[in-house]
Each structure stands twice: as C-alpha cells, then as structure tokens.
Amino acid sequence: MENNTSDLCDGGDCESCPTDPALLLEFKHAIHALSGKWKLEILFTLMNGGVRFGALRRALAPITQHMLTAQLRELERDGLIARKVLTEKPLQVAYELTDSAWSLTPAFRELLAWSKTFGARRSAVAGETQLGVGID
C-alpha cells in the first residue's frame, strides 16, 4: 500500500508536519464545519446553484425538515452557505454556496475520484460480508 505523506512532511521538523498541534487544530475546525449527517450532501447538492428549501429537502429525501433546518443553520453559521430570502409571496427562501464553500470544489472532485476507484471495491466487500463470504 502506498503512503503519500511526503507531500505533507518530509519526516523532519517542519511547520507543515501533521503532528503539529496548530495544524491539527486547523484540521479539527475544518472537519467540524463539514461534519454532520447531511452537511456534505447539502453542499454537494448546492454545487449546481441556489436551491429553494423545499427542493433541497426533496433532493435529500429522507431528510426531515427539522434536520435540514438545523444543518443549514450550522452551515450558514460557519460561512459555507448563504440564505437568501426571495421577494415572492408566499415567502420563499433559497440557499447557495458562499465563496468559501465553492473553494471546496477540488476536494469534492477528489472525493468523487476516490469513490470511483475504491467505492466499487468497498461495495463488493460489503456484499461478500452480507453473503457470508470470507475475505482472504
């Protein structure tokens, strides 16, 4: 198995070393902003442009209204999405990505590439496990 840690640290004392407490703290902040049962799915859905609340809820079924509202509030608080009140009757609300969230596009592309490479393998292993087939 290949280990590509050399991109982060050459093994010596360096500022970008993953064991640097300040770097770990920054990583924790990023992970906290993105962690949540639906946050990544919400961000990915919004990458096609602004979406009204109802359409977002339908796209993310079976998410509940309460959970969607809570996750949207956290994403807005963390500066990843913007809430836009539309001037329509009845009142409509749409959500869109902020520039900060748009900067995550390369990371989403990498996750998709990773999923294409390893997702099928993971699904096959899960299927074998459910069927009682051992993995050698």
Protein backbone atom coordinates (compact mmCIF):
# COMPACT_ATOMS: atom_id res chain seq x y z
CA MET A 1 0.00 0.00 0.00
CA GLU A 2 1.31 3.40 -0.96
CA ASN A 3 1.72 6.10 1.66
CA ASN A 4 1.81 9.65 0.29
CA THR A 5 2.65 11.52 3.47
CA SER A 6 5.74 13.05 1.86
CA ASP A 7 3.52 15.79 0.42
CA LEU A 8 2.77 16.98 3.96
CA CYS A 9 6.00 16.35 5.79
CA ASP A 10 9.46 15.08 4.89
CA GLY A 11 9.84 13.43 8.28
CA GLY A 12 11.85 16.26 9.80
CA ASP A 13 10.84 19.16 11.99
CA CYS A 14 8.67 21.29 9.74
CA GLU A 15 5.75 23.66 10.08
CA SER A 16 3.53 21.52 7.86
CA CYS A 17 4.10 18.31 9.80
CA PRO A 18 0.76 16.59 10.55
CA THR A 19 1.76 16.21 14.20
CA ASP A 20 1.99 19.99 14.60
CA PRO A 21 -0.68 20.88 17.22
CA ALA A 22 -1.61 24.13 15.45
CA LEU A 23 -2.11 22.27 12.16
CA LEU A 24 -4.20 19.63 13.91
CA LEU A 25 -6.37 22.36 15.44
CA GLU A 26 -6.97 23.89 11.99
CA PHE A 27 -7.86 20.44 10.66
CA LYS A 28 -10.34 19.93 13.51
CA HIS A 29 -12.03 23.27 12.72
CA ALA A 30 -12.42 22.25 9.06
CA ILE A 31 -13.73 18.80 9.92
CA HIS A 32 -16.18 20.23 12.46
CA ALA A 33 -17.57 22.66 9.87
CA LEU A 34 -18.11 19.81 7.40
CA SER A 35 -19.16 17.05 9.77
CA GLY A 36 -22.78 16.31 10.27
CA LYS A 37 -25.11 13.68 8.96
CA TRP A 38 -26.21 15.72 5.93
CA LYS A 39 -23.73 18.58 5.52
CA LEU A 40 -21.66 17.11 2.71
CA GLU A 41 -24.77 16.08 0.80
CA ILE A 42 -26.23 19.57 1.22
CA LEU A 43 -23.05 21.22 -0.05
CA PHE A 44 -22.79 18.83 -2.97
CA THR A 45 -26.43 19.47 -3.93
CA LEU A 46 -25.88 23.22 -3.84
CA MET A 47 -22.95 22.97 -6.26
CA ASN A 48 -25.49 23.09 -9.08
CA GLY A 49 -26.61 26.54 -7.94
CA GLY A 50 -29.02 28.04 -5.46
CA VAL A 51 -31.91 25.85 -4.36
CA ARG A 52 -35.12 26.62 -2.51
CA PHE A 53 -35.68 24.93 0.82
CA GLY A 54 -38.44 22.62 -0.45
CA ALA A 55 -36.47 21.49 -3.49
CA LEU A 56 -33.44 20.89 -1.31
CA ARG A 57 -35.49 18.78 1.07
CA ARG A 58 -36.89 16.71 -1.82
CA ALA A 59 -33.41 16.24 -3.28
CA LEU A 60 -32.12 14.97 0.06
CA ALA A 61 -35.02 12.66 0.96
CA PRO A 62 -35.46 11.14 3.53
CA ILE A 63 -34.05 14.10 5.50
CA THR A 64 -36.53 15.63 7.91
CA GLN A 65 -37.44 19.31 7.86
CA HIS A 66 -36.03 19.73 11.36
CA MET A 67 -32.67 18.11 10.46
CA LEU A 68 -32.35 20.08 7.23
CA THR A 69 -33.05 23.34 9.05
CA ALA A 70 -30.50 22.53 11.77
CA GLN A 71 -27.80 21.57 9.27
CA LEU A 72 -28.47 24.64 7.11
CA ARG A 73 -28.19 26.91 10.16
CA GLU A 74 -24.84 25.38 11.10
CA LEU A 75 -23.53 25.68 7.53
CA GLU A 76 -24.68 29.31 7.42
CA ARG A 77 -23.06 30.00 10.80
CA ASP A 78 -19.79 28.52 9.53
CA GLY A 79 -19.90 30.70 6.42
CA LEU A 80 -20.36 27.88 3.92
CA ILE A 81 -23.84 28.75 2.66
CA ALA A 82 -25.86 31.92 2.29
CA ARG A 83 -29.58 32.15 2.98
CA LYS A 84 -31.43 34.33 0.50
CA VAL A 85 -34.99 35.49 1.10
CA LEU A 86 -36.78 35.76 -2.23
CA THR A 87 -39.25 38.57 -2.83
CA GLU A 88 -42.16 36.32 -3.61
CA LYS A 89 -45.50 35.64 -1.98
CA PRO A 90 -45.66 33.35 -0.11
CA LEU A 91 -42.22 33.95 1.32
CA GLN A 92 -39.58 31.71 -0.27
CA VAL A 93 -36.05 31.03 0.91
CA ALA A 94 -33.18 29.76 -1.20
CA TYR A 95 -29.72 28.62 -0.19
CA GLU A 96 -26.50 28.96 -2.13
CA LEU A 97 -22.82 28.28 -1.58
CA THR A 98 -20.51 31.04 -0.43
CA ASP A 99 -17.10 31.60 -2.00
CA SER A 100 -15.64 29.70 0.92
CA ALA A 101 -17.73 26.63 0.07
CA TRP A 102 -17.02 26.96 -3.66
CA SER A 103 -13.34 26.62 -2.80
CA LEU A 104 -14.16 23.05 -1.66
CA THR A 105 -14.86 22.03 -5.28
CA PRO A 106 -11.40 20.46 -5.78
CA ALA A 107 -11.88 18.42 -2.60
CA PHE A 108 -15.28 17.18 -3.81
CA ARG A 109 -13.72 16.22 -7.16
CA GLU A 110 -11.02 14.27 -5.32
CA LEU A 111 -13.65 12.51 -3.17
CA LEU A 112 -15.59 11.55 -6.30
CA ALA A 113 -12.43 10.21 -7.93
CA TRP A 114 -11.61 8.29 -4.78
CA SER A 115 -15.15 6.88 -4.67
CA LYS A 116 -14.90 5.73 -8.29
CA THR A 117 -11.62 3.97 -7.51
CA PHE A 118 -12.44 2.48 -4.13
CA GLY A 119 -16.24 2.67 -3.90
CA ALA A 120 -16.85 -0.41 -6.05
CA ARG A 121 -14.29 -2.36 -4.04
CA ARG A 122 -15.96 -1.28 -0.80
CA SER A 123 -19.42 -2.24 -2.14
CA ALA A 124 -18.14 -5.64 -3.27
CA VAL A 125 -16.60 -6.34 0.14
CA ALA A 126 -19.84 -5.29 1.88
CA GLY A 127 -21.82 -7.61 -0.41
CA GLU A 128 -19.48 -10.52 0.30
CA THR A 129 -19.72 -9.89 4.03
CA GLN A 130 -23.53 -9.87 3.89
CA LEU A 131 -23.48 -13.12 1.92
CA GLY A 132 -21.17 -14.71 4.46
CA VAL A 133 -18.25 -14.94 2.03
CA GLY A 134 -14.89 -14.56 3.73
CA ILE A 135 -12.24 -12.18 2.52
CA ASP A 136 -8.74 -13.63 2.12
